[in-house]
Amino acid sequence: MSSCFKDSQSVFDSTYLVEFQDAVVTSPATSLGKTYPIISVANGAGLQTRRINLVGRQRPNQESIKFSVDAKESTAVEGVHYTLEGGMVTLPANSSFGDCKFNILRAPSAAGTSVVLVLVLEGNGSDIKPNENYKRLGFRITL
């Protein structure tokens, strides 16, 4: 198939969105009734880094994107199972990517049990919004 267009360059140029790369490329945990993926991570795994994508034109200035824990979906306890690294992702100027960082702590072992940590992107508070389909990412920590 072929066709002719006067302007063949499509450019996404409307709303700025941020999303978890892992949420984009990993299937959601639909068997658990979730619309986001849940990734297994070992107890005491330490520093975790997850890529954040900016959807839209790159920005000329550095941007700070807030992320937090989804308290309704999470069973993990801050300070026991995890710590957040500031709760902010920095998107460098003229870049489409940033790193979300958090620590998985060594919690007391409990054979056959696990807890879930669900992170959610909140945007920059003004014109960069979270992509509703890819703003959550879950982690199952086996104790």
N, C-alpha and C. Protein backbone atom coordinates (compact mmCIF):
# COMPACT_ATOMS: atom_id res chain seq x y z
N MET A 1 0.84 -1.17 0.00
CA MET A 1 0.00 0.00 0.00
C MET A 1 0.89 1.24 0.00
N SER A 2 0.41 2.25 -0.70
CA SER A 2 1.10 3.53 -0.68
C SER A 2 0.08 4.63 -0.84
N SER A 3 0.50 5.80 -0.47
CA SER A 3 -0.37 6.95 -0.64
C SER A 3 0.48 8.20 -0.66
N CYS A 4 -0.11 9.28 -0.99
CA CYS A 4 0.61 10.54 -1.06
C CYS A 4 0.01 11.52 -0.07
N PHE A 5 0.87 12.14 0.69
CA PHE A 5 0.44 13.16 1.63
C PHE A 5 1.30 14.40 1.41
N LYS A 6 0.71 15.55 1.53
CA LYS A 6 1.49 16.77 1.41
C LYS A 6 2.45 16.92 2.57
N ASP A 7 2.00 16.58 3.79
CA ASP A 7 2.84 16.67 4.98
C ASP A 7 2.92 15.29 5.60
N SER A 8 4.01 14.59 5.38
CA SER A 8 4.12 13.21 5.85
C SER A 8 4.78 13.10 7.22
N GLN A 9 5.12 14.21 7.85
CA GLN A 9 5.74 14.15 9.18
C GLN A 9 4.70 14.41 10.25
N SER A 10 4.44 13.36 11.04
CA SER A 10 3.52 13.52 12.17
C SER A 10 4.35 13.83 13.40
N VAL A 11 3.98 14.86 14.10
CA VAL A 11 4.69 15.26 15.31
C VAL A 11 3.68 15.36 16.45
N PHE A 12 3.95 14.61 17.53
CA PHE A 12 3.12 14.72 18.73
C PHE A 12 3.52 16.00 19.43
N ASP A 13 2.58 16.88 19.59
CA ASP A 13 2.97 18.22 20.00
C ASP A 13 1.90 18.85 20.91
N SER A 14 1.06 18.02 21.51
CA SER A 14 0.02 18.59 22.36
C SER A 14 0.41 18.44 23.83
N THR A 15 -0.37 17.75 24.60
CA THR A 15 -0.15 17.61 26.04
C THR A 15 1.16 16.88 26.33
N TYR A 16 1.85 17.34 27.35
CA TYR A 16 3.05 16.64 27.82
C TYR A 16 2.63 15.59 28.82
N LEU A 17 3.15 14.37 28.66
CA LEU A 17 2.82 13.26 29.55
C LEU A 17 4.10 12.60 30.03
N VAL A 18 4.04 11.96 31.20
CA VAL A 18 5.13 11.12 31.69
C VAL A 18 4.56 9.74 31.99
N GLU A 19 5.42 8.73 31.83
CA GLU A 19 4.99 7.34 32.03
C GLU A 19 6.18 6.48 32.43
N PHE A 20 5.90 5.38 33.12
CA PHE A 20 6.93 4.40 33.44
C PHE A 20 7.21 3.56 32.20
N GLN A 21 8.48 3.48 31.79
CA GLN A 21 8.85 2.64 30.65
C GLN A 21 8.44 1.19 30.88
N ASP A 22 8.64 0.67 32.10
CA ASP A 22 8.26 -0.72 32.41
C ASP A 22 6.76 -0.95 32.24
N ALA A 23 5.95 0.06 32.53
CA ALA A 23 4.50 -0.08 32.37
C ALA A 23 4.12 -0.14 30.89
N VAL A 24 4.91 0.51 30.04
CA VAL A 24 4.65 0.51 28.61
C VAL A 24 5.00 -0.84 27.99
N VAL A 25 6.10 -1.46 28.42
CA VAL A 25 6.60 -2.68 27.76
C VAL A 25 6.27 -3.98 28.50
N THR A 26 5.68 -3.90 29.69
CA THR A 26 5.36 -5.09 30.47
C THR A 26 3.84 -5.22 30.58
N SER A 27 3.34 -6.42 30.41
CA SER A 27 1.89 -6.64 30.48
C SER A 27 1.36 -6.38 31.89
N PRO A 28 0.17 -5.82 31.98
CA PRO A 28 -0.42 -5.61 33.30
C PRO A 28 -0.78 -6.93 33.97
N ALA A 29 -0.90 -6.90 35.28
CA ALA A 29 -1.23 -8.10 36.06
C ALA A 29 -2.74 -8.29 36.06
N THR A 30 -3.30 -8.54 34.88
CA THR A 30 -4.75 -8.67 34.74
C THR A 30 -5.29 -9.89 35.49
N SER A 31 -4.45 -10.92 35.66
CA SER A 31 -4.91 -12.09 36.41
C SER A 31 -5.17 -11.74 37.87
N LEU A 32 -4.58 -10.64 38.34
CA LEU A 32 -4.80 -10.15 39.71
C LEU A 32 -5.80 -8.99 39.73
N GLY A 33 -6.38 -8.71 38.56
CA GLY A 33 -7.33 -7.61 38.46
C GLY A 33 -6.70 -6.24 38.44
N LYS A 34 -5.43 -6.16 38.03
CA LYS A 34 -4.72 -4.89 38.02
C LYS A 34 -4.54 -4.39 36.59
N THR A 35 -4.49 -3.07 36.43
CA THR A 35 -4.29 -2.47 35.11
C THR A 35 -2.85 -2.02 34.91
N TYR A 36 -1.97 -2.41 35.82
CA TYR A 36 -0.55 -2.07 35.76
C TYR A 36 0.27 -3.34 36.00
N PRO A 37 1.52 -3.36 35.56
CA PRO A 37 2.36 -4.54 35.79
C PRO A 37 2.84 -4.61 37.24
N ILE A 38 3.09 -5.83 37.69
CA ILE A 38 3.72 -6.06 38.99
C ILE A 38 4.98 -6.88 38.74
N ILE A 39 6.12 -6.30 39.10
CA ILE A 39 7.43 -6.89 38.84
C ILE A 39 7.96 -7.49 40.14
N SER A 40 8.46 -8.70 40.09
CA SER A 40 9.04 -9.34 41.28
C SER A 40 10.41 -8.75 41.57
N VAL A 41 10.67 -8.52 42.85
CA VAL A 41 11.96 -8.00 43.29
C VAL A 41 12.30 -8.68 44.61
N ALA A 42 13.58 -8.97 44.80
CA ALA A 42 14.03 -9.69 45.99
C ALA A 42 14.05 -8.79 47.22
N ASN A 43 13.78 -9.39 48.35
CA ASN A 43 13.91 -8.72 49.64
C ASN A 43 15.36 -8.25 49.78
N GLY A 44 15.56 -6.98 50.12
CA GLY A 44 16.91 -6.45 50.27
C GLY A 44 17.62 -6.16 48.97
N ALA A 45 16.89 -6.01 47.88
CA ALA A 45 17.50 -5.81 46.56
C ALA A 45 18.27 -4.50 46.45
N GLY A 46 18.03 -3.55 47.34
CA GLY A 46 18.78 -2.29 47.31
C GLY A 46 18.21 -1.28 46.34
N LEU A 47 19.08 -0.41 45.84
CA LEU A 47 18.66 0.69 44.97
C LEU A 47 18.07 0.16 43.66
N GLN A 48 16.88 0.63 43.35
CA GLN A 48 16.20 0.29 42.10
C GLN A 48 16.07 1.56 41.27
N THR A 49 16.30 1.45 39.98
CA THR A 49 16.18 2.58 39.07
C THR A 49 15.24 2.18 37.94
N ARG A 50 14.20 2.95 37.73
CA ARG A 50 13.23 2.70 36.66
C ARG A 50 13.12 3.92 35.79
N ARG A 51 13.12 3.70 34.48
CA ARG A 51 13.09 4.79 33.51
C ARG A 51 11.70 5.41 33.42
N ILE A 52 11.69 6.73 33.33
CA ILE A 52 10.48 7.51 33.10
C ILE A 52 10.60 8.14 31.73
N ASN A 53 9.53 8.06 30.94
CA ASN A 53 9.51 8.65 29.60
C ASN A 53 8.72 9.95 29.60
N LEU A 54 9.23 10.94 28.90
CA LEU A 54 8.48 12.15 28.60
C LEU A 54 7.88 11.96 27.22
N VAL A 55 6.56 12.04 27.12
CA VAL A 55 5.88 11.93 25.83
C VAL A 55 5.52 13.34 25.41
N GLY A 56 6.09 13.76 24.32
CA GLY A 56 5.92 15.13 23.84
C GLY A 56 7.28 15.71 23.51
N ARG A 57 7.27 16.95 23.09
CA ARG A 57 8.50 17.64 22.74
C ARG A 57 9.43 17.76 23.94
N GLN A 58 10.72 17.60 23.70
CA GLN A 58 11.69 17.79 24.79
C GLN A 58 11.62 19.22 25.29
N ARG A 59 11.86 19.38 26.57
CA ARG A 59 11.76 20.69 27.20
C ARG A 59 13.13 21.36 27.25
N PRO A 60 13.20 22.69 27.11
CA PRO A 60 14.49 23.39 27.13
C PRO A 60 15.08 23.51 28.54
N ASN A 61 14.25 23.28 29.56
CA ASN A 61 14.70 23.39 30.95
C ASN A 61 14.50 22.06 31.67
N GLN A 62 15.28 21.85 32.70
CA GLN A 62 15.12 20.67 33.55
C GLN A 62 13.74 20.70 34.19
N GLU A 63 13.11 19.54 34.33
CA GLU A 63 11.80 19.43 34.96
C GLU A 63 11.87 18.44 36.11
N SER A 64 11.12 18.69 37.18
CA SER A 64 11.01 17.77 38.31
C SER A 64 9.63 17.14 38.30
N ILE A 65 9.61 15.81 38.26
CA ILE A 65 8.37 15.05 38.21
C ILE A 65 8.19 14.34 39.54
N LYS A 66 7.06 14.55 40.19
CA LYS A 66 6.78 13.92 41.49
C LYS A 66 6.25 12.50 41.28
N PHE A 67 6.69 11.60 42.16
CA PHE A 67 6.09 10.27 42.23
C PHE A 67 5.85 9.94 43.70
N SER A 68 4.91 9.03 43.94
CA SER A 68 4.57 8.67 45.30
C SER A 68 4.15 7.21 45.35
N VAL A 69 3.79 6.78 46.53
CA VAL A 69 3.31 5.42 46.74
C VAL A 69 1.79 5.45 46.72
N ASP A 70 1.19 4.54 45.98
CA ASP A 70 -0.26 4.40 45.95
C ASP A 70 -0.67 3.64 47.21
N ALA A 71 -1.14 4.37 48.22
CA ALA A 71 -1.45 3.79 49.52
C ALA A 71 -2.58 2.76 49.46
N LYS A 72 -3.52 2.93 48.55
CA LYS A 72 -4.64 1.98 48.43
C LYS A 72 -4.20 0.64 47.86
N GLU A 73 -3.20 0.66 46.98
CA GLU A 73 -2.77 -0.56 46.29
C GLU A 73 -1.57 -1.22 46.96
N SER A 74 -0.85 -0.50 47.81
CA SER A 74 0.40 -1.01 48.40
C SER A 74 0.16 -1.65 49.76
N THR A 75 0.90 -2.73 50.01
CA THR A 75 0.92 -3.35 51.34
C THR A 75 2.30 -3.20 51.97
N ALA A 76 3.29 -2.77 51.22
CA ALA A 76 4.64 -2.55 51.74
C ALA A 76 4.63 -1.31 52.65
N VAL A 77 5.51 -1.33 53.64
CA VAL A 77 5.58 -0.26 54.63
C VAL A 77 6.89 0.52 54.45
N GLU A 78 6.76 1.85 54.32
CA GLU A 78 7.96 2.68 54.17
C GLU A 78 8.83 2.57 55.42
N GLY A 79 10.12 2.45 55.21
CA GLY A 79 11.06 2.31 56.32
C GLY A 79 11.28 0.87 56.75
N VAL A 80 10.36 -0.01 56.37
CA VAL A 80 10.50 -1.45 56.66
C VAL A 80 10.84 -2.21 55.38
N HIS A 81 10.07 -1.95 54.33
CA HIS A 81 10.25 -2.65 53.06
C HIS A 81 10.92 -1.81 51.98
N TYR A 82 10.78 -0.49 52.06
CA TYR A 82 11.32 0.38 51.02
C TYR A 82 11.57 1.78 51.57
N THR A 83 12.35 2.56 50.84
CA THR A 83 12.46 4.00 51.03
C THR A 83 12.46 4.65 49.65
N LEU A 84 11.90 5.83 49.57
CA LEU A 84 11.91 6.58 48.31
C LEU A 84 13.13 7.48 48.29
N GLU A 85 13.69 7.69 47.14
CA GLU A 85 14.84 8.58 46.98
C GLU A 85 14.34 9.98 46.63
N GLY A 86 13.72 10.62 47.60
CA GLY A 86 13.26 11.99 47.40
C GLY A 86 11.88 12.14 46.80
N GLY A 87 11.35 11.11 46.17
CA GLY A 87 10.03 11.21 45.58
C GLY A 87 9.96 12.10 44.35
N MET A 88 11.12 12.36 43.75
CA MET A 88 11.15 13.20 42.55
C MET A 88 12.03 12.55 41.48
N VAL A 89 11.62 12.72 40.24
CA VAL A 89 12.41 12.30 39.08
C VAL A 89 12.83 13.57 38.36
N THR A 90 14.11 13.66 38.02
CA THR A 90 14.60 14.81 37.26
C THR A 90 14.65 14.44 35.79
N LEU A 91 13.95 15.23 34.98
CA LEU A 91 14.05 15.12 33.52
C LEU A 91 15.03 16.21 33.09
N PRO A 92 16.23 15.85 32.64
CA PRO A 92 17.20 16.86 32.23
C PRO A 92 16.68 17.69 31.05
N ALA A 93 17.19 18.89 30.90
CA ALA A 93 16.84 19.73 29.76
C ALA A 93 17.18 18.99 28.47
N ASN A 94 16.32 19.14 27.47
CA ASN A 94 16.52 18.54 26.14
C ASN A 94 16.66 17.03 26.19
N SER A 95 15.88 16.39 27.06
CA SER A 95 15.90 14.93 27.20
C SER A 95 14.47 14.41 27.30
N SER A 96 14.29 13.16 26.93
CA SER A 96 12.98 12.52 27.01
C SER A 96 12.91 11.49 28.13
N PHE A 97 13.97 11.37 28.95
CA PHE A 97 14.03 10.30 29.94
C PHE A 97 14.56 10.81 31.28
N GLY A 98 14.09 10.18 32.34
CA GLY A 98 14.59 10.42 33.69
C GLY A 98 14.59 9.11 34.44
N ASP A 99 15.16 9.09 35.64
CA ASP A 99 15.24 7.88 36.44
C ASP A 99 14.49 8.04 37.75
N CYS A 100 13.59 7.11 38.01
CA CYS A 100 12.87 7.03 39.27
C CYS A 100 13.67 6.09 40.17
N LYS A 101 14.07 6.56 41.36
CA LYS A 101 14.92 5.76 42.23
C LYS A 101 14.25 5.52 43.58
N PHE A 102 14.39 4.28 44.07
CA PHE A 102 13.88 3.90 45.38
C PHE A 102 14.69 2.70 45.86
N ASN A 103 14.66 2.45 47.16
CA ASN A 103 15.41 1.35 47.75
C ASN A 103 14.46 0.26 48.24
N ILE A 104 14.84 -0.99 47.99
CA ILE A 104 14.15 -2.13 48.58
C ILE A 104 15.01 -2.58 49.75
N LEU A 105 14.47 -2.45 50.95
CA LEU A 105 15.21 -2.77 52.17
C LEU A 105 15.16 -4.26 52.48
N ARG A 106 16.05 -4.70 53.34
CA ARG A 106 16.01 -6.09 53.83
C ARG A 106 15.04 -6.11 55.00
N ALA A 107 13.85 -6.64 54.77
CA ALA A 107 12.82 -6.75 55.80
C ALA A 107 12.93 -8.12 56.45
N PRO A 108 12.38 -8.28 57.65
CA PRO A 108 12.39 -9.60 58.29
C PRO A 108 11.74 -10.65 57.39
N SER A 109 12.39 -11.80 57.28
CA SER A 109 11.88 -12.88 56.43
C SER A 109 10.61 -13.48 57.02
N ALA A 110 9.71 -13.86 56.14
CA ALA A 110 8.47 -14.54 56.51
C ALA A 110 8.14 -15.48 55.36
N ALA A 111 8.56 -16.73 55.47
CA ALA A 111 8.44 -17.71 54.39
C ALA A 111 7.04 -17.73 53.78
N GLY A 112 7.02 -17.69 52.45
CA GLY A 112 5.77 -17.79 51.71
C GLY A 112 4.94 -16.52 51.68
N THR A 113 5.49 -15.41 52.13
CA THR A 113 4.73 -14.16 52.11
C THR A 113 5.41 -13.12 51.24
N SER A 114 4.64 -12.14 50.86
CA SER A 114 5.17 -11.03 50.07
C SER A 114 4.35 -9.79 50.34
N VAL A 115 4.91 -8.65 49.98
CA VAL A 115 4.22 -7.37 50.05
C VAL A 115 4.32 -6.71 48.69
N VAL A 116 3.44 -5.77 48.44
CA VAL A 116 3.42 -5.09 47.14
C VAL A 116 3.63 -3.59 47.36
N LEU A 117 4.52 -3.03 46.56
CA LEU A 117 4.77 -1.60 46.52
C LEU A 117 4.30 -1.10 45.16
N VAL A 118 3.40 -0.12 45.14
CA VAL A 118 2.91 0.45 43.89
C VAL A 118 3.28 1.93 43.85
N LEU A 119 4.07 2.29 42.84
CA LEU A 119 4.46 3.68 42.63
C LEU A 119 3.53 4.31 41.61
N VAL A 120 3.29 5.60 41.77
CA VAL A 120 2.42 6.32 40.84
C VAL A 120 3.06 7.67 40.51
N LEU A 121 3.09 7.99 39.23
CA LEU A 121 3.60 9.28 38.77
C LEU A 121 2.52 10.34 38.93
N GLU A 122 2.94 11.55 39.33
CA GLU A 122 1.97 12.63 39.55
C GLU A 122 2.18 13.81 38.60
N GLY A 123 3.30 13.86 37.88
CA GLY A 123 3.56 14.98 36.99
C GLY A 123 4.33 16.09 37.69
N ASN A 124 4.40 17.26 37.05
CA ASN A 124 5.17 18.37 37.62
C ASN A 124 4.31 19.40 38.33
N GLY A 125 3.02 19.15 38.43
CA GLY A 125 2.13 20.08 39.13
C GLY A 125 1.57 21.17 38.25
N SER A 126 2.02 21.22 36.99
CA SER A 126 1.46 22.24 36.09
C SER A 126 1.12 21.63 34.73
N ASP A 127 2.04 21.63 33.79
CA ASP A 127 1.68 21.23 32.43
C ASP A 127 2.16 19.85 32.00
N ILE A 128 2.89 19.13 32.85
CA ILE A 128 3.27 17.75 32.53
C ILE A 128 2.42 16.84 33.39
N LYS A 129 1.57 16.07 32.76
CA LYS A 129 0.61 15.20 33.44
C LYS A 129 1.04 13.74 33.33
N PRO A 130 0.59 12.89 34.25
CA PRO A 130 0.88 11.46 34.11
C PRO A 130 -0.01 10.85 33.02
N ASN A 131 0.55 9.93 32.26
CA ASN A 131 -0.23 9.18 31.28
C ASN A 131 -1.09 8.19 32.06
N GLU A 132 -2.38 8.33 32.01
CA GLU A 132 -3.30 7.51 32.82
C GLU A 132 -3.09 6.02 32.62
N ASN A 133 -2.71 5.59 31.42
CA ASN A 133 -2.53 4.16 31.15
C ASN A 133 -1.23 3.59 31.70
N TYR A 134 -0.23 4.44 31.94
CA TYR A 134 1.10 3.95 32.31
C TYR A 134 1.70 4.70 33.50
N LYS A 135 0.86 5.22 34.37
CA LYS A 135 1.36 6.00 35.50
C LYS A 135 1.64 5.16 36.75
N ARG A 136 1.23 3.90 36.77
CA ARG A 136 1.45 3.02 37.93
C ARG A 136 2.39 1.88 37.58
N LEU A 137 3.19 1.50 38.58
CA LEU A 137 4.10 0.36 38.43
C LEU A 137 4.21 -0.32 39.79
N GLY A 138 3.96 -1.62 39.82
CA GLY A 138 3.98 -2.37 41.07
C GLY A 138 5.19 -3.28 41.19
N PHE A 139 5.56 -3.55 42.44
CA PHE A 139 6.70 -4.43 42.76
C PHE A 139 6.27 -5.39 43.86
N ARG A 140 6.40 -6.68 43.60
CA ARG A 140 6.13 -7.70 44.62
C ARG A 140 7.47 -8.05 45.27
N ILE A 141 7.53 -7.82 46.59
CA ILE A 141 8.75 -8.10 47.36
C ILE A 141 8.50 -9.38 48.13
N THR A 142 9.23 -10.43 47.77
CA THR A 142 9.10 -11.73 48.45
C THR A 142 9.92 -11.69 49.73
N LEU A 143 9.25 -11.96 50.86
CA LEU A 143 9.94 -11.88 52.16
C LEU A 143 10.57 -13.20 52.57
